[in-house]
Amino acid sequence: MDLSTTLEYARENDDAFSAQLIEFLRIKSISTDPSFAANVEEAAAWLVSELNRIGLENAGANPTDGHPVVTADLFSGDDRPTVLV
């Protein structure tokens, strides 16, 4: 997909993307406050759900000594770069 197609798609779906962002931001995942630990878990679960929805594979919230780390992957071919966010 070229840049102009990508930008057109983003413009056409701006309202949906904004609504998804607002939905995510409503989760009070204040990671520095232990009283919000359940909300941090909720935010991680939301992200996993969204990653699965958009077609990524092996999405999961991986436990750590602190907060979960959300990961997913999408294999696009041996000749494609790997990105970790």
PDB file of N, CA and C in Angstrom:
ATOM      1  N   MET A   1       0.858  -1.169   0.000  1.00  0.00           N
ATOM      2  CA  MET A   1       0.000   0.000   0.000  1.00  0.00           C
ATOM      3  C   MET A   1       0.906   1.235   0.000  1.00  0.00           C
ATOM      4  N   ASP A   2       0.649   2.159  -0.886  1.00  0.00           N
ATOM      5  CA  ASP A   2       1.473   3.360  -0.946  1.00  0.00           C
ATOM      6  C   ASP A   2       0.982   4.401   0.061  1.00  0.00           C
ATOM      7  N   LEU A   3       1.779   5.426   0.253  1.00  0.00           N
ATOM      8  CA  LEU A   3       1.494   6.439   1.271  1.00  0.00           C
ATOM      9  C   LEU A   3       0.172   7.148   1.016  1.00  0.00           C
ATOM     10  N   SER A   4      -0.134   7.505  -0.215  1.00  0.00           N
ATOM     11  CA  SER A   4      -1.371   8.241  -0.484  1.00  0.00           C
ATOM     12  C   SER A   4      -2.598   7.378  -0.158  1.00  0.00           C
ATOM     13  N   THR A   5      -2.537   6.095  -0.440  1.00  0.00           N
ATOM     14  CA  THR A   5      -3.639   5.190  -0.103  1.00  0.00           C
ATOM     15  C   THR A   5      -3.792   5.080   1.403  1.00  0.00           C
ATOM     16  N   THR A   6      -2.671   4.996   2.097  1.00  0.00           N
ATOM     17  CA  THR A   6      -2.687   4.910   3.558  1.00  0.00           C
ATOM     18  C   THR A   6      -3.287   6.166   4.171  1.00  0.00           C
ATOM     19  N   LEU A   7      -2.872   7.320   3.699  1.00  0.00           N
ATOM     20  CA  LEU A   7      -3.399   8.580   4.214  1.00  0.00           C
ATOM     21  C   LEU A   7      -4.880   8.732   3.907  1.00  0.00           C
ATOM     22  N   GLU A   8      -5.318   8.315   2.733  1.00  0.00           N
ATOM     23  CA  GLU A   8      -6.732   8.375   2.380  1.00  0.00           C
ATOM     24  C   GLU A   8      -7.542   7.483   3.320  1.00  0.00           C
ATOM     25  N   TYR A   9      -7.040   6.278   3.578  1.00  0.00           N
ATOM     26  CA  TYR A   9      -7.713   5.360   4.503  1.00  0.00           C
ATOM     27  C   TYR A   9      -7.824   5.987   5.893  1.00  0.00           C
ATOM     28  N   ALA A  10      -6.752   6.609   6.357  1.00  0.00           N
ATOM     29  CA  ALA A  10      -6.757   7.251   7.676  1.00  0.00           C
ATOM     30  C   ALA A  10      -7.787   8.379   7.726  1.00  0.00           C
ATOM     31  N   ARG A  11      -7.851   9.182   6.682  1.00  0.00           N
ATOM     32  CA  ARG A  11      -8.832  10.279   6.648  1.00  0.00           C
ATOM     33  C   ARG A  11     -10.261   9.738   6.629  1.00  0.00           C
ATOM     34  N   GLU A  12     -10.494   8.695   5.854  1.00  0.00           N
ATOM     35  CA  GLU A  12     -11.839   8.126   5.742  1.00  0.00           C
ATOM     36  C   GLU A  12     -12.312   7.488   7.050  1.00  0.00           C
ATOM     37  N   ASN A  13     -11.377   7.054   7.868  1.00  0.00           N
ATOM     38  CA  ASN A  13     -11.709   6.348   9.103  1.00  0.00           C
ATOM     39  C   ASN A  13     -11.382   7.144  10.359  1.00  0.00           C
ATOM     40  N   ASP A  14     -11.189   8.439  10.192  1.00  0.00           N
ATOM     41  CA  ASP A  14     -10.805   9.305  11.304  1.00  0.00           C
ATOM     42  C   ASP A  14     -11.769   9.212  12.483  1.00  0.00           C
ATOM     43  N   ASP A  15     -13.059   9.226  12.226  1.00  0.00           N
ATOM     44  CA  ASP A  15     -14.041   9.174  13.314  1.00  0.00           C
ATOM     45  C   ASP A  15     -13.943   7.861  14.087  1.00  0.00           C
ATOM     46  N   ALA A  16     -13.814   6.762  13.380  1.00  0.00           N
ATOM     47  CA  ALA A  16     -13.703   5.456  14.042  1.00  0.00           C
ATOM     48  C   ALA A  16     -12.420   5.374  14.848  1.00  0.00           C
ATOM     49  N   PHE A  17     -11.316   5.846  14.274  1.00  0.00           N
ATOM     50  CA  PHE A  17     -10.041   5.812  14.991  1.00  0.00           C
ATOM     51  C   PHE A  17     -10.088   6.684  16.244  1.00  0.00           C
ATOM     52  N   SER A  18     -10.705   7.834  16.131  1.00  0.00           N
ATOM     53  CA  SER A  18     -10.839   8.725  17.289  1.00  0.00           C
ATOM     54  C   SER A  18     -11.690   8.077  18.374  1.00  0.00           C
ATOM     55  N   ALA A  19     -12.774   7.429  17.979  1.00  0.00           N
ATOM     56  CA  ALA A  19     -13.643   6.751  18.952  1.00  0.00           C
ATOM     57  C   ALA A  19     -12.902   5.623  19.662  1.00  0.00           C
ATOM     58  N   GLN A  20     -12.092   4.874  18.921  1.00  0.00           N
ATOM     59  CA  GLN A  20     -11.306   3.805  19.537  1.00  0.00           C
ATOM     60  C   GLN A  20     -10.291   4.364  20.525  1.00  0.00           C
ATOM     61  N   LEU A  21      -9.644   5.445  20.156  1.00  0.00           N
ATOM     62  CA  LEU A  21      -8.676   6.067  21.054  1.00  0.00           C
ATOM     63  C   LEU A  21      -9.351   6.555  22.325  1.00  0.00           C
ATOM     64  N   ILE A  22     -10.493   7.194  22.187  1.00  0.00           N
ATOM     65  CA  ILE A  22     -11.226   7.689  23.358  1.00  0.00           C
ATOM     66  C   ILE A  22     -11.656   6.525  24.247  1.00  0.00           C
ATOM     67  N   GLU A  23     -12.113   5.441  23.633  1.00  0.00           N
ATOM     68  CA  GLU A  23     -12.496   4.247  24.405  1.00  0.00           C
ATOM     69  C   GLU A  23     -11.310   3.736  25.233  1.00  0.00           C
ATOM     70  N   PHE A  24     -10.151   3.674  24.610  1.00  0.00           N
ATOM     71  CA  PHE A  24      -8.948   3.210  25.312  1.00  0.00           C
ATOM     72  C   PHE A  24      -8.547   4.181  26.424  1.00  0.00           C
ATOM     73  N   LEU A  25      -8.590   5.470  26.121  1.00  0.00           N
ATOM     74  CA  LEU A  25      -8.160   6.469  27.106  1.00  0.00           C
ATOM     75  C   LEU A  25      -9.104   6.571  28.300  1.00  0.00           C
ATOM     76  N   ARG A  26     -10.314   6.085  28.163  1.00  0.00           N
ATOM     77  CA  ARG A  26     -11.261   6.089  29.288  1.00  0.00           C
ATOM     78  C   ARG A  26     -10.894   5.058  30.350  1.00  0.00           C
ATOM     79  N   ILE A  27     -10.055   4.108  30.005  1.00  0.00           N
ATOM     80  CA  ILE A  27      -9.595   3.120  30.982  1.00  0.00           C
ATOM     81  C   ILE A  27      -8.551   3.809  31.863  1.00  0.00           C
ATOM     82  N   LYS A  28      -8.828   3.889  33.143  1.00  0.00           N
ATOM     83  CA  LYS A  28      -7.946   4.621  34.061  1.00  0.00           C
ATOM     84  C   LYS A  28      -6.733   3.771  34.432  1.00  0.00           C
ATOM     85  N   SER A  29      -5.869   3.579  33.471  1.00  0.00           N
ATOM     86  CA  SER A  29      -4.693   2.722  33.659  1.00  0.00           C
ATOM     87  C   SER A  29      -3.500   3.552  34.136  1.00  0.00           C
ATOM     88  N   ILE A  30      -3.606   4.033  35.353  1.00  0.00           N
ATOM     89  CA  ILE A  30      -2.557   4.871  35.950  1.00  0.00           C
ATOM     90  C   ILE A  30      -1.523   3.939  36.560  1.00  0.00           C
ATOM     91  N   SER A  31      -0.482   3.661  35.812  1.00  0.00           N
ATOM     92  CA  SER A  31       0.463   2.615  36.198  1.00  0.00           C
ATOM     93  C   SER A  31       1.288   2.956  37.434  1.00  0.00           C
ATOM     94  N   THR A  32       1.361   4.202  37.797  1.00  0.00           N
ATOM     95  CA  THR A  32       2.158   4.587  38.974  1.00  0.00           C
ATOM     96  C   THR A  32       1.381   4.481  40.273  1.00  0.00           C
ATOM     97  N   ASP A  33       0.091   4.184  40.195  1.00  0.00           N
ATOM     98  CA  ASP A  33      -0.749   4.086  41.384  1.00  0.00           C
ATOM     99  C   ASP A  33      -1.252   2.651  41.532  1.00  0.00           C
ATOM    100  N   PRO A  34      -0.782   1.932  42.547  1.00  0.00           N
ATOM    101  CA  PRO A  34      -1.174   0.523  42.718  1.00  0.00           C
ATOM    102  C   PRO A  34      -2.685   0.301  42.806  1.00  0.00           C
ATOM    103  N   SER A  35      -3.438   1.301  43.222  1.00  0.00           N
ATOM    104  CA  SER A  35      -4.884   1.122  43.318  1.00  0.00           C
ATOM    105  C   SER A  35      -5.541   0.990  41.939  1.00  0.00           C
ATOM    106  N   PHE A  36      -4.804   1.263  40.870  1.00  0.00           N
ATOM    107  CA  PHE A  36      -5.319   1.147  39.511  1.00  0.00           C
ATOM    108  C   PHE A  36      -4.774  -0.079  38.781  1.00  0.00           C
ATOM    109  N   ALA A  37      -4.212  -1.034  39.533  1.00  0.00           N
ATOM    110  CA  ALA A  37      -3.618  -2.227  38.908  1.00  0.00           C
ATOM    111  C   ALA A  37      -4.629  -2.984  38.055  1.00  0.00           C
ATOM    112  N   ALA A  38      -5.857  -3.108  38.522  1.00  0.00           N
ATOM    113  CA  ALA A  38      -6.883  -3.810  37.745  1.00  0.00           C
ATOM    114  C   ALA A  38      -7.177  -3.070  36.442  1.00  0.00           C
ATOM    115  N   ASN A  39      -7.121  -1.751  36.479  1.00  0.00           N
ATOM    116  CA  ASN A  39      -7.350  -0.960  35.268  1.00  0.00           C
ATOM    117  C   ASN A  39      -6.212  -1.128  34.270  1.00  0.00           C
ATOM    118  N   VAL A  40      -4.991  -1.271  34.782  1.00  0.00           N
ATOM    119  CA  VAL A  40      -3.847  -1.520  33.901  1.00  0.00           C
ATOM    120  C   VAL A  40      -4.042  -2.859  33.199  1.00  0.00           C
ATOM    121  N   GLU A  41      -4.505  -3.864  33.929  1.00  0.00           N
ATOM    122  CA  GLU A  41      -4.804  -5.172  33.331  1.00  0.00           C
ATOM    123  C   GLU A  41      -5.917  -5.039  32.292  1.00  0.00           C
ATOM    124  N   GLU A  42      -6.928  -4.234  32.593  1.00  0.00           N
ATOM    125  CA  GLU A  42      -8.025  -4.004  31.659  1.00  0.00           C
ATOM    126  C   GLU A  42      -7.510  -3.355  30.373  1.00  0.00           C
ATOM    127  N   ALA A  43      -6.629  -2.387  30.501  1.00  0.00           N
ATOM    128  CA  ALA A  43      -6.064  -1.721  29.327  1.00  0.00           C
ATOM    129  C   ALA A  43      -5.259  -2.712  28.483  1.00  0.00           C
ATOM    130  N   ALA A  44      -4.503  -3.571  29.144  1.00  0.00           N
ATOM    131  CA  ALA A  44      -3.734  -4.584  28.420  1.00  0.00           C
ATOM    132  C   ALA A  44      -4.677  -5.522  27.671  1.00  0.00           C
ATOM    133  N   ALA A  45      -5.752  -5.951  28.318  1.00  0.00           N
ATOM    134  CA  ALA A  45      -6.727  -6.841  27.678  1.00  0.00           C
ATOM    135  C   ALA A  45      -7.386  -6.146  26.487  1.00  0.00           C
ATOM    136  N   TRP A  46      -7.681  -4.854  26.627  1.00  0.00           N
ATOM    137  CA  TRP A  46      -8.274  -4.091  25.525  1.00  0.00           C
ATOM    138  C   TRP A  46      -7.329  -4.083  24.323  1.00  0.00           C
ATOM    139  N   LEU A  47      -6.045  -3.836  24.598  1.00  0.00           N
ATOM    140  CA  LEU A  47      -5.062  -3.815  23.511  1.00  0.00           C
ATOM    141  C   LEU A  47      -4.953  -5.168  22.830  1.00  0.00           C
ATOM    142  N   VAL A  48      -4.931  -6.239  23.618  1.00  0.00           N
ATOM    143  CA  VAL A  48      -4.866  -7.587  23.045  1.00  0.00           C
ATOM    144  C   VAL A  48      -6.067  -7.818  22.139  1.00  0.00           C
ATOM    145  N   SER A  49      -7.237  -7.442  22.597  1.00  0.00           N
ATOM    146  CA  SER A  49      -8.452  -7.604  21.805  1.00  0.00           C
ATOM    147  C   SER A  49      -8.359  -6.834  20.487  1.00  0.00           C
ATOM    148  N   GLU A  50      -7.892  -5.608  20.549  1.00  0.00           N
ATOM    149  CA  GLU A  50      -7.766  -4.787  19.342  1.00  0.00           C
ATOM    150  C   GLU A  50      -6.730  -5.360  18.381  1.00  0.00           C
ATOM    151  N   LEU A  51      -5.616  -5.832  18.917  1.00  0.00           N
ATOM    152  CA  LEU A  51      -4.583  -6.422  18.052  1.00  0.00           C
ATOM    153  C   LEU A  51      -5.119  -7.655  17.341  1.00  0.00           C
ATOM    154  N   ASN A  52      -5.880  -8.471  18.059  1.00  0.00           N
ATOM    155  CA  ASN A  52      -6.512  -9.631  17.422  1.00  0.00           C
ATOM    156  C   ASN A  52      -7.519  -9.180  16.370  1.00  0.00           C
ATOM    157  N   ARG A  53      -8.308  -8.154  16.690  1.00  0.00           N
ATOM    158  CA  ARG A  53      -9.337  -7.667  15.769  1.00  0.00           C
ATOM    159  C   ARG A  53      -8.750  -7.204  14.442  1.00  0.00           C
ATOM    160  N   ILE A  54      -7.584  -6.568  14.486  1.00  0.00           N
ATOM    161  CA  ILE A  54      -6.997  -6.051  13.248  1.00  0.00           C
ATOM    162  C   ILE A  54      -6.122  -7.078  12.536  1.00  0.00           C
ATOM    163  N   GLY A  55      -6.090  -8.304  13.078  1.00  0.00           N
ATOM    164  CA  GLY A  55      -5.446  -9.382  12.342  1.00  0.00           C
ATOM    165  C   GLY A  55      -4.042  -9.763  12.756  1.00  0.00           C
ATOM    166  N   LEU A  56      -3.542  -9.196  13.836  1.00  0.00           N
ATOM    167  CA  LEU A  56      -2.243  -9.631  14.300  1.00  0.00           C
ATOM    168  C   LEU A  56      -2.372 -10.994  14.959  1.00  0.00           C
ATOM    169  N   GLU A  57      -1.270 -11.690  15.054  1.00  0.00           N
ATOM    170  CA  GLU A  57      -1.270 -13.047  15.581  1.00  0.00           C
ATOM    171  C   GLU A  57      -0.554 -13.093  16.920  1.00  0.00           C
ATOM    172  N   ASN A  58      -0.896 -14.118  17.688  1.00  0.00           N
ATOM    173  CA  ASN A  58      -0.226 -14.380  18.969  1.00  0.00           C
ATOM    174  C   ASN A  58      -0.257 -13.185  19.916  1.00  0.00           C
ATOM    175  N   ALA A  59      -1.333 -12.412  19.857  1.00  0.00           N
ATOM    176  CA  ALA A  59      -1.457 -11.266  20.757  1.00  0.00           C
ATOM    177  C   ALA A  59      -1.641 -11.776  22.176  1.00  0.00           C
ATOM    178  N   GLY A  60      -0.959 -11.124  23.094  1.00  0.00           N
ATOM    179  CA  GLY A  60      -1.096 -11.521  24.479  1.00  0.00           C
ATOM    180  C   GLY A  60      -0.570 -10.471  25.432  1.00  0.00           C
ATOM    181  N   ALA A  61      -1.064 -10.539  26.653  1.00  0.00           N
ATOM    182  CA  ALA A  61      -0.578  -9.682  27.735  1.00  0.00           C
ATOM    183  C   ALA A  61       0.349 -10.557  28.572  1.00  0.00           C
ATOM    184  N   ASN A  62       1.624 -10.300  28.460  1.00  0.00           N
ATOM    185  CA  ASN A  62       2.630 -11.119  29.117  1.00  0.00           C
ATOM    186  C   ASN A  62       2.929 -10.571  30.508  1.00  0.00           C
ATOM    187  N   PRO A  63       2.775 -11.424  31.534  1.00  0.00           N
ATOM    188  CA  PRO A  63       3.017 -10.953  32.896  1.00  0.00           C
ATOM    189  C   PRO A  63       4.495 -10.636  33.130  1.00  0.00           C
ATOM    190  N   THR A  64       4.719  -9.673  33.982  1.00  0.00           N
ATOM    191  CA  THR A  64       6.071  -9.309  34.415  1.00  0.00           C
ATOM    192  C   THR A  64       6.010  -9.104  35.921  1.00  0.00           C
ATOM    193  N   ASP A  65       7.111  -8.731  36.524  1.00  0.00           N
ATOM    194  CA  ASP A  65       7.106  -8.408  37.954  1.00  0.00           C
ATOM    195  C   ASP A  65       6.324  -7.126  38.222  1.00  0.00           C
ATOM    196  N   GLY A  66       6.094  -6.367  37.182  1.00  0.00           N
ATOM    197  CA  GLY A  66       5.317  -5.130  37.299  1.00  0.00           C
ATOM    198  C   GLY A  66       4.035  -5.246  36.508  1.00  0.00           C
ATOM    199  N   HIS A  67       3.933  -4.476  35.463  1.00  0.00           N
ATOM    200  CA  HIS A  67       2.735  -4.452  34.628  1.00  0.00           C
ATOM    201  C   HIS A  67       2.899  -5.387  33.433  1.00  0.00           C
ATOM    202  N   PRO A  68       1.787  -5.816  32.837  1.00  0.00           N
ATOM    203  CA  PRO A  68       1.883  -6.699  31.674  1.00  0.00           C
ATOM    204  C   PRO A  68       2.491  -5.970  30.475  1.00  0.00           C
ATOM    205  N   VAL A  69       3.154  -6.751  29.649  1.00  0.00           N
ATOM    206  CA  VAL A  69       3.701  -6.245  28.395  1.00  0.00           C
ATOM    207  C   VAL A  69       2.896  -6.881  27.276  1.00  0.00           C
ATOM    208  N   VAL A  70       2.277  -6.062  26.448  1.00  0.00           N
ATOM    209  CA  VAL A  70       1.442  -6.562  25.360  1.00  0.00           C
ATOM    210  C   VAL A  70       2.300  -6.749  24.115  1.00  0.00           C
ATOM    211  N   THR A  71       2.186  -7.939  23.531  1.00  0.00           N
ATOM    212  CA  THR A  71       2.928  -8.242  22.308  1.00  0.00           C
ATOM    213  C   THR A  71       2.000  -8.914  21.304  1.00  0.00           C
ATOM    214  N   ALA A  72       2.385  -8.853  20.054  1.00  0.00           N
ATOM    215  CA  ALA A  72       1.686  -9.545  18.975  1.00  0.00           C
ATOM    216  C   ALA A  72       2.637  -9.601  17.795  1.00  0.00           C
ATOM    217  N   ASP A  73       2.325 -10.443  16.834  1.00  0.00           N
ATOM    218  CA  ASP A  73       3.161 -10.471  15.643  1.00  0.00           C
ATOM    219  C   ASP A  73       2.304 -10.693  14.406  1.00  0.00           C
ATOM    220  N   LEU A  74       2.915 -10.423  13.285  1.00  0.00           N
ATOM    221  CA  LEU A  74       2.276 -10.631  11.997  1.00  0.00           C
ATOM    222  C   LEU A  74       3.378 -10.989  11.021  1.00  0.00           C
ATOM    223  N   PHE A  75       3.362 -12.202  10.546  1.00  0.00           N
ATOM    224  CA  PHE A  75       4.380 -12.635   9.601  1.00  0.00           C
ATOM    225  C   PHE A  75       3.975 -12.199   8.206  1.00  0.00           C
ATOM    226  N   SER A  76       4.810 -11.374   7.586  1.00  0.00           N
ATOM    227  CA  SER A  76       4.504 -10.859   6.252  1.00  0.00           C
ATOM    228  C   SER A  76       5.421 -11.425   5.181  1.00  0.00           C
ATOM    229  N   GLY A  77       6.391 -12.225   5.574  1.00  0.00           N
ATOM    230  CA  GLY A  77       7.305 -12.827   4.609  1.00  0.00           C
ATOM    231  C   GLY A  77       8.747 -12.673   5.052  1.00  0.00           C
ATOM    232  N   ASP A  78       9.556 -13.607   4.613  1.00  0.00           N
ATOM    233  CA  ASP A  78      10.967 -13.596   4.987  1.00  0.00           C
ATOM    234  C   ASP A  78      11.709 -12.358   4.491  1.00  0.00           C
ATOM    235  N   ASP A  79      11.201 -11.741   3.446  1.00  0.00           N
ATOM    236  CA  ASP A  79      11.863 -10.579   2.873  1.00  0.00           C
ATOM    237  C   ASP A  79      11.361  -9.257   3.473  1.00  0.00           C
ATOM    238  N   ARG A  80      10.515  -9.347   4.506  1.00  0.00           N
ATOM    239  CA  ARG A  80       9.935  -8.152   5.116  1.00  0.00           C
ATOM    240  C   ARG A  80      10.639  -7.842   6.438  1.00  0.00           C
ATOM    241  N   PRO A  81      10.716  -6.576   6.816  1.00  0.00           N
ATOM    242  CA  PRO A  81      11.377  -6.213   8.078  1.00  0.00           C
ATOM    243  C   PRO A  81      10.525  -6.606   9.296  1.00  0.00           C
ATOM    244  N   THR A  82      11.179  -6.722  10.414  1.00  0.00           N
ATOM    245  CA  THR A  82      10.514  -6.997  11.682  1.00  0.00           C
ATOM    246  C   THR A  82      10.505  -5.708  12.497  1.00  0.00           C
ATOM    247  N   VAL A  83       9.360  -5.412  13.092  1.00  0.00           N
ATOM    248  CA  VAL A  83       9.230  -4.202  13.912  1.00  0.00           C
ATOM    249  C   VAL A  83       8.706  -4.620  15.280  1.00  0.00           C
ATOM    250  N   LEU A  84       9.320  -4.119  16.324  1.00  0.00           N
ATOM    251  CA  LEU A  84       8.862  -4.343  17.687  1.00  0.00           C
ATOM    252  C   LEU A  84       8.530  -2.996  18.290  1.00  0.00           C
ATOM    253  N   VAL A  85       7.290  -2.847  18.758  1.00  0.00           N
ATOM    254  CA  VAL A  85       6.858  -1.578  19.334  1.00  0.00           C
ATOM    255  C   VAL A  85       6.546  -1.801  20.798  1.00  0.00           C
TER     256      VAL A  85
END
